[in-house]
């Protein structure tokens, strides 16, 4: 059974930084696509950043240059470093994992249905709030 547990969210002022983590357990596949989505009430779940099993990251245009995804393969933990935060970054951030490294681009997933079809494993989410 695959379990994803996020941590590290919180409140920060605009321009500040946060690092959120996703502890991954039970995933045994060699190939994967993992990453971060975010969602605000009444809106679709959107891809923020993904990384594949070759270590290649992709980012949504809105976060490029500000957010950085990384994966510690020893600790089996996925990280998201959020810098230069803006109020529009406020959202629930979800960690997700899926088999295969195909179709592993954050920009492919701009709605909840496509995200949930591609990624069978999700964490419970961690809230990031950015005040102006």
C-alpha atoms as a PDB file:
ATOM      1  CA  UNK A   1       0.000   0.000   0.000  1.00  0.00           C
ATOM      2  CA  UNK A   2       1.388   3.381  -1.011  1.00  0.00           C
ATOM      3  CA  UNK A   3       1.186   6.164   1.565  1.00  0.00           C
ATOM      4  CA  UNK A   4       2.040   9.797   1.037  1.00  0.00           C
ATOM      5  CA  UNK A   5       2.192  12.148   4.008  1.00  0.00           C
ATOM      6  CA  UNK A   6       2.791  15.857   3.524  1.00  0.00           C
ATOM      7  CA  UNK A   7       4.165  18.241   6.127  1.00  0.00           C
ATOM      8  CA  UNK A   8       5.678  21.693   6.420  1.00  0.00           C
ATOM      9  CA  UNK A   9       2.889  23.974   5.296  1.00  0.00           C
ATOM     10  CA  UNK A  10       2.105  27.185   7.107  1.00  0.00           C
ATOM     11  CA  UNK A  11       1.582  30.914   6.853  1.00  0.00           C
ATOM     12  CA  UNK A  12       4.124  33.317   5.446  1.00  0.00           C
ATOM     13  CA  UNK A  13       4.213  36.873   4.168  1.00  0.00           C
ATOM     14  CA  UNK A  14       4.568  37.656   0.494  1.00  0.00           C
ATOM     15  CA  UNK A  15       8.164  37.327  -0.609  1.00  0.00           C
ATOM     16  CA  UNK A  16       8.884  34.681   1.991  1.00  0.00           C
ATOM     17  CA  UNK A  17       9.831  31.023   1.651  1.00  0.00           C
ATOM     18  CA  UNK A  18       8.621  27.636   2.814  1.00  0.00           C
ATOM     19  CA  UNK A  19       9.671  24.057   2.291  1.00  0.00           C
ATOM     20  CA  UNK A  20       7.078  21.330   2.246  1.00  0.00           C
ATOM     21  CA  UNK A  21       7.789  17.622   2.374  1.00  0.00           C
ATOM     22  CA  UNK A  22       6.112  14.412   1.331  1.00  0.00           C
ATOM     23  CA  UNK A  23       7.145  11.165   2.999  1.00  0.00           C
ATOM     24  CA  UNK A  24       6.571   8.264   0.621  1.00  0.00           C
ATOM     25  CA  UNK A  25       6.167   4.665   1.739  1.00  0.00           C
ATOM     26  CA  UNK A  26       5.165   1.456   0.023  1.00  0.00           C
ATOM     27  CA  UNK A  27       6.095   2.488  -3.529  1.00  0.00           C
ATOM     28  CA  UNK A  28       8.224  -0.196  -5.168  1.00  0.00           C
ATOM     29  CA  UNK A  29       8.065   0.626  -8.865  1.00  0.00           C
ATOM     30  CA  UNK A  30      11.261   1.517 -10.710  1.00  0.00           C
ATOM     31  CA  UNK A  31       9.593   4.067 -12.958  1.00  0.00           C
ATOM     32  CA  UNK A  32       7.461   6.837 -11.545  1.00  0.00           C
ATOM     33  CA  UNK A  33       6.143  10.325 -11.871  1.00  0.00           C
ATOM     34  CA  UNK A  34       5.714  12.206  -8.598  1.00  0.00           C
ATOM     35  CA  UNK A  35       5.101  15.744  -7.631  1.00  0.00           C
ATOM     36  CA  UNK A  36       2.911  18.490  -6.301  1.00  0.00           C
ATOM     37  CA  UNK A  37      -0.531  19.799  -7.102  1.00  0.00           C
ATOM     38  CA  UNK A  38      -2.470  22.614  -5.505  1.00  0.00           C
ATOM     39  CA  UNK A  39      -6.094  23.488  -5.117  1.00  0.00           C
ATOM     40  CA  UNK A  40      -8.175  26.314  -3.694  1.00  0.00           C
ATOM     41  CA  UNK A  41     -11.869  26.000  -2.793  1.00  0.00           C
ATOM     42  CA  UNK A  42     -14.093  25.940  -5.864  1.00  0.00           C
ATOM     43  CA  UNK A  43     -11.200  25.584  -8.292  1.00  0.00           C
ATOM     44  CA  UNK A  44      -9.600  22.701 -10.138  1.00  0.00           C
ATOM     45  CA  UNK A  45      -6.574  20.854  -8.845  1.00  0.00           C
ATOM     46  CA  UNK A  46      -3.628  22.003 -10.913  1.00  0.00           C
ATOM     47  CA  UNK A  47      -0.172  20.640 -11.491  1.00  0.00           C
ATOM     48  CA  UNK A  48       2.572  22.696  -9.852  1.00  0.00           C
ATOM     49  CA  UNK A  49       5.652  20.570 -10.440  1.00  0.00           C
ATOM     50  CA  UNK A  50       6.485  16.975 -11.287  1.00  0.00           C
ATOM     51  CA  UNK A  51       9.659  14.922 -11.323  1.00  0.00           C
ATOM     52  CA  UNK A  52      10.152  11.609 -13.090  1.00  0.00           C
ATOM     53  CA  UNK A  53      12.312   8.594 -12.300  1.00  0.00           C
ATOM     54  CA  UNK A  54      15.095  10.016 -14.499  1.00  0.00           C
ATOM     55  CA  UNK A  55      15.173  13.047 -12.193  1.00  0.00           C
ATOM     56  CA  UNK A  56      13.778  15.456 -14.769  1.00  0.00           C
ATOM     57  CA  UNK A  57      11.556  18.163 -13.245  1.00  0.00           C
ATOM     58  CA  UNK A  58       8.880  20.230 -14.925  1.00  0.00           C
ATOM     59  CA  UNK A  59       7.020  23.253 -13.593  1.00  0.00           C
ATOM     60  CA  UNK A  60       3.864  25.201 -14.162  1.00  0.00           C
ATOM     61  CA  UNK A  61       4.644  28.560 -15.767  1.00  0.00           C
ATOM     62  CA  UNK A  62       3.265  30.380 -12.720  1.00  0.00           C
ATOM     63  CA  UNK A  63       5.943  28.925 -10.404  1.00  0.00           C
ATOM     64  CA  UNK A  64       8.923  28.554 -12.723  1.00  0.00           C
ATOM     65  CA  UNK A  65      12.009  30.180 -11.239  1.00  0.00           C
ATOM     66  CA  UNK A  66      10.454  30.373  -7.773  1.00  0.00           C
ATOM     67  CA  UNK A  67       9.688  26.767  -6.785  1.00  0.00           C
ATOM     68  CA  UNK A  68      12.078  23.818  -6.813  1.00  0.00           C
ATOM     69  CA  UNK A  69      11.189  20.151  -6.564  1.00  0.00           C
ATOM     70  CA  UNK A  70      13.639  17.555  -5.315  1.00  0.00           C
ATOM     71  CA  UNK A  71      13.575  13.952  -4.205  1.00  0.00           C
ATOM     72  CA  UNK A  72      15.724  12.237  -1.633  1.00  0.00           C
ATOM     73  CA  UNK A  73      15.859   8.618  -2.774  1.00  0.00           C
ATOM     74  CA  UNK A  74      17.485   7.442   0.454  1.00  0.00           C
ATOM     75  CA  UNK A  75      14.855   8.979   2.706  1.00  0.00           C
ATOM     76  CA  UNK A  76      12.062   8.407   0.149  1.00  0.00           C
ATOM     77  CA  UNK A  77      10.939  11.970   0.589  1.00  0.00           C
ATOM     78  CA  UNK A  78       9.770  14.501  -1.948  1.00  0.00           C
ATOM     79  CA  UNK A  79      10.410  18.174  -1.267  1.00  0.00           C
ATOM     80  CA  UNK A  80       9.076  21.419  -2.640  1.00  0.00           C
ATOM     81  CA  UNK A  81      11.015  24.603  -1.921  1.00  0.00           C
ATOM     82  CA  UNK A  82       8.742  27.602  -2.364  1.00  0.00           C
ATOM     83  CA  UNK A  83      10.524  30.951  -2.705  1.00  0.00           C
ATOM     84  CA  UNK A  84       9.326  34.465  -3.508  1.00  0.00           C
ATOM     85  CA  UNK A  85       5.841  33.458  -2.458  1.00  0.00           C
ATOM     86  CA  UNK A  86       2.848  35.441  -3.657  1.00  0.00           C
ATOM     87  CA  UNK A  87      -0.688  35.636  -2.250  1.00  0.00           C
ATOM     88  CA  UNK A  88      -1.912  33.737  -5.316  1.00  0.00           C
ATOM     89  CA  UNK A  89       0.208  30.773  -4.208  1.00  0.00           C
ATOM     90  CA  UNK A  90      -2.174  30.286  -1.299  1.00  0.00           C
ATOM     91  CA  UNK A  91      -3.673  26.812  -1.629  1.00  0.00           C
ATOM     92  CA  UNK A  92      -3.794  23.290  -0.291  1.00  0.00           C
ATOM     93  CA  UNK A  93      -0.749  21.521  -1.682  1.00  0.00           C
ATOM     94  CA  UNK A  94      -1.030  17.815  -2.439  1.00  0.00           C
ATOM     95  CA  UNK A  95       1.693  15.283  -3.068  1.00  0.00           C
ATOM     96  CA  UNK A  96       0.917  12.726  -5.781  1.00  0.00           C
ATOM     97  CA  UNK A  97       2.574   9.626  -7.205  1.00  0.00           C
ATOM     98  CA  UNK A  98       1.932   7.530 -10.277  1.00  0.00           C
ATOM     99  CA  UNK A  99       3.462   4.649 -12.185  1.00  0.00           C
ATOM    100  CA  UNK A 100       5.509   5.219 -15.319  1.00  0.00           C
ATOM    101  CA  UNK A 101       7.485   8.292 -16.252  1.00  0.00           C
ATOM    102  CA  UNK A 102       5.311   8.988 -19.283  1.00  0.00           C
ATOM    103  CA  UNK A 103       3.184  12.139 -19.473  1.00  0.00           C
ATOM    104  CA  UNK A 104       5.131  13.565 -16.572  1.00  0.00           C
ATOM    105  CA  UNK A 105       4.815  17.285 -17.210  1.00  0.00           C
ATOM    106  CA  UNK A 106       3.129  19.609 -14.734  1.00  0.00           C
ATOM    107  CA  UNK A 107       1.501  21.609 -17.524  1.00  0.00           C
ATOM    108  CA  UNK A 108      -0.447  18.544 -18.679  1.00  0.00           C
ATOM    109  CA  UNK A 109      -2.641  18.639 -15.578  1.00  0.00           C
ATOM    110  CA  UNK A 110      -4.842  21.684 -15.206  1.00  0.00           C
ATOM    111  CA  UNK A 111      -7.986  20.014 -13.914  1.00  0.00           C
ATOM    112  CA  UNK A 112      -8.874  17.615 -11.130  1.00  0.00           C
ATOM    113  CA  UNK A 113     -10.138  14.806 -13.370  1.00  0.00           C
ATOM    114  CA  UNK A 114      -6.969  14.503 -15.436  1.00  0.00           C
ATOM    115  CA  UNK A 115      -4.839  14.641 -12.306  1.00  0.00           C
ATOM    116  CA  UNK A 116      -6.781  11.914 -10.521  1.00  0.00           C
ATOM    117  CA  UNK A 117      -6.783   9.661 -13.614  1.00  0.00           C
ATOM    118  CA  UNK A 118      -3.002   9.846 -13.958  1.00  0.00           C
ATOM    119  CA  UNK A 119      -2.051   9.709 -10.289  1.00  0.00           C
ATOM    120  CA  UNK A 120      -3.624   6.963  -8.158  1.00  0.00           C
ATOM    121  CA  UNK A 121      -1.785   7.910  -4.963  1.00  0.00           C
ATOM    122  CA  UNK A 122      -2.368  11.148  -3.044  1.00  0.00           C
ATOM    123  CA  UNK A 123      -1.479  12.636   0.282  1.00  0.00           C
ATOM    124  CA  UNK A 124      -3.924  14.420   2.549  1.00  0.00           C
ATOM    125  CA  UNK A 125      -2.587  17.876   1.682  1.00  0.00           C
ATOM    126  CA  UNK A 126      -0.795  20.658   3.514  1.00  0.00           C
ATOM    127  CA  UNK A 127      -2.023  24.249   3.588  1.00  0.00           C
ATOM    128  CA  UNK A 128       0.167  27.111   2.397  1.00  0.00           C
ATOM    129  CA  UNK A 129      -1.118  30.605   3.109  1.00  0.00           C
ATOM    130  CA  UNK A 130       0.634  33.713   1.820  1.00  0.00           C
ATOM    131  CA  UNK A 131      -0.449  37.106   3.128  1.00  0.00           C
ATOM    132  CA  UNK A 132       0.180  40.392   1.351  1.00  0.00           C
END
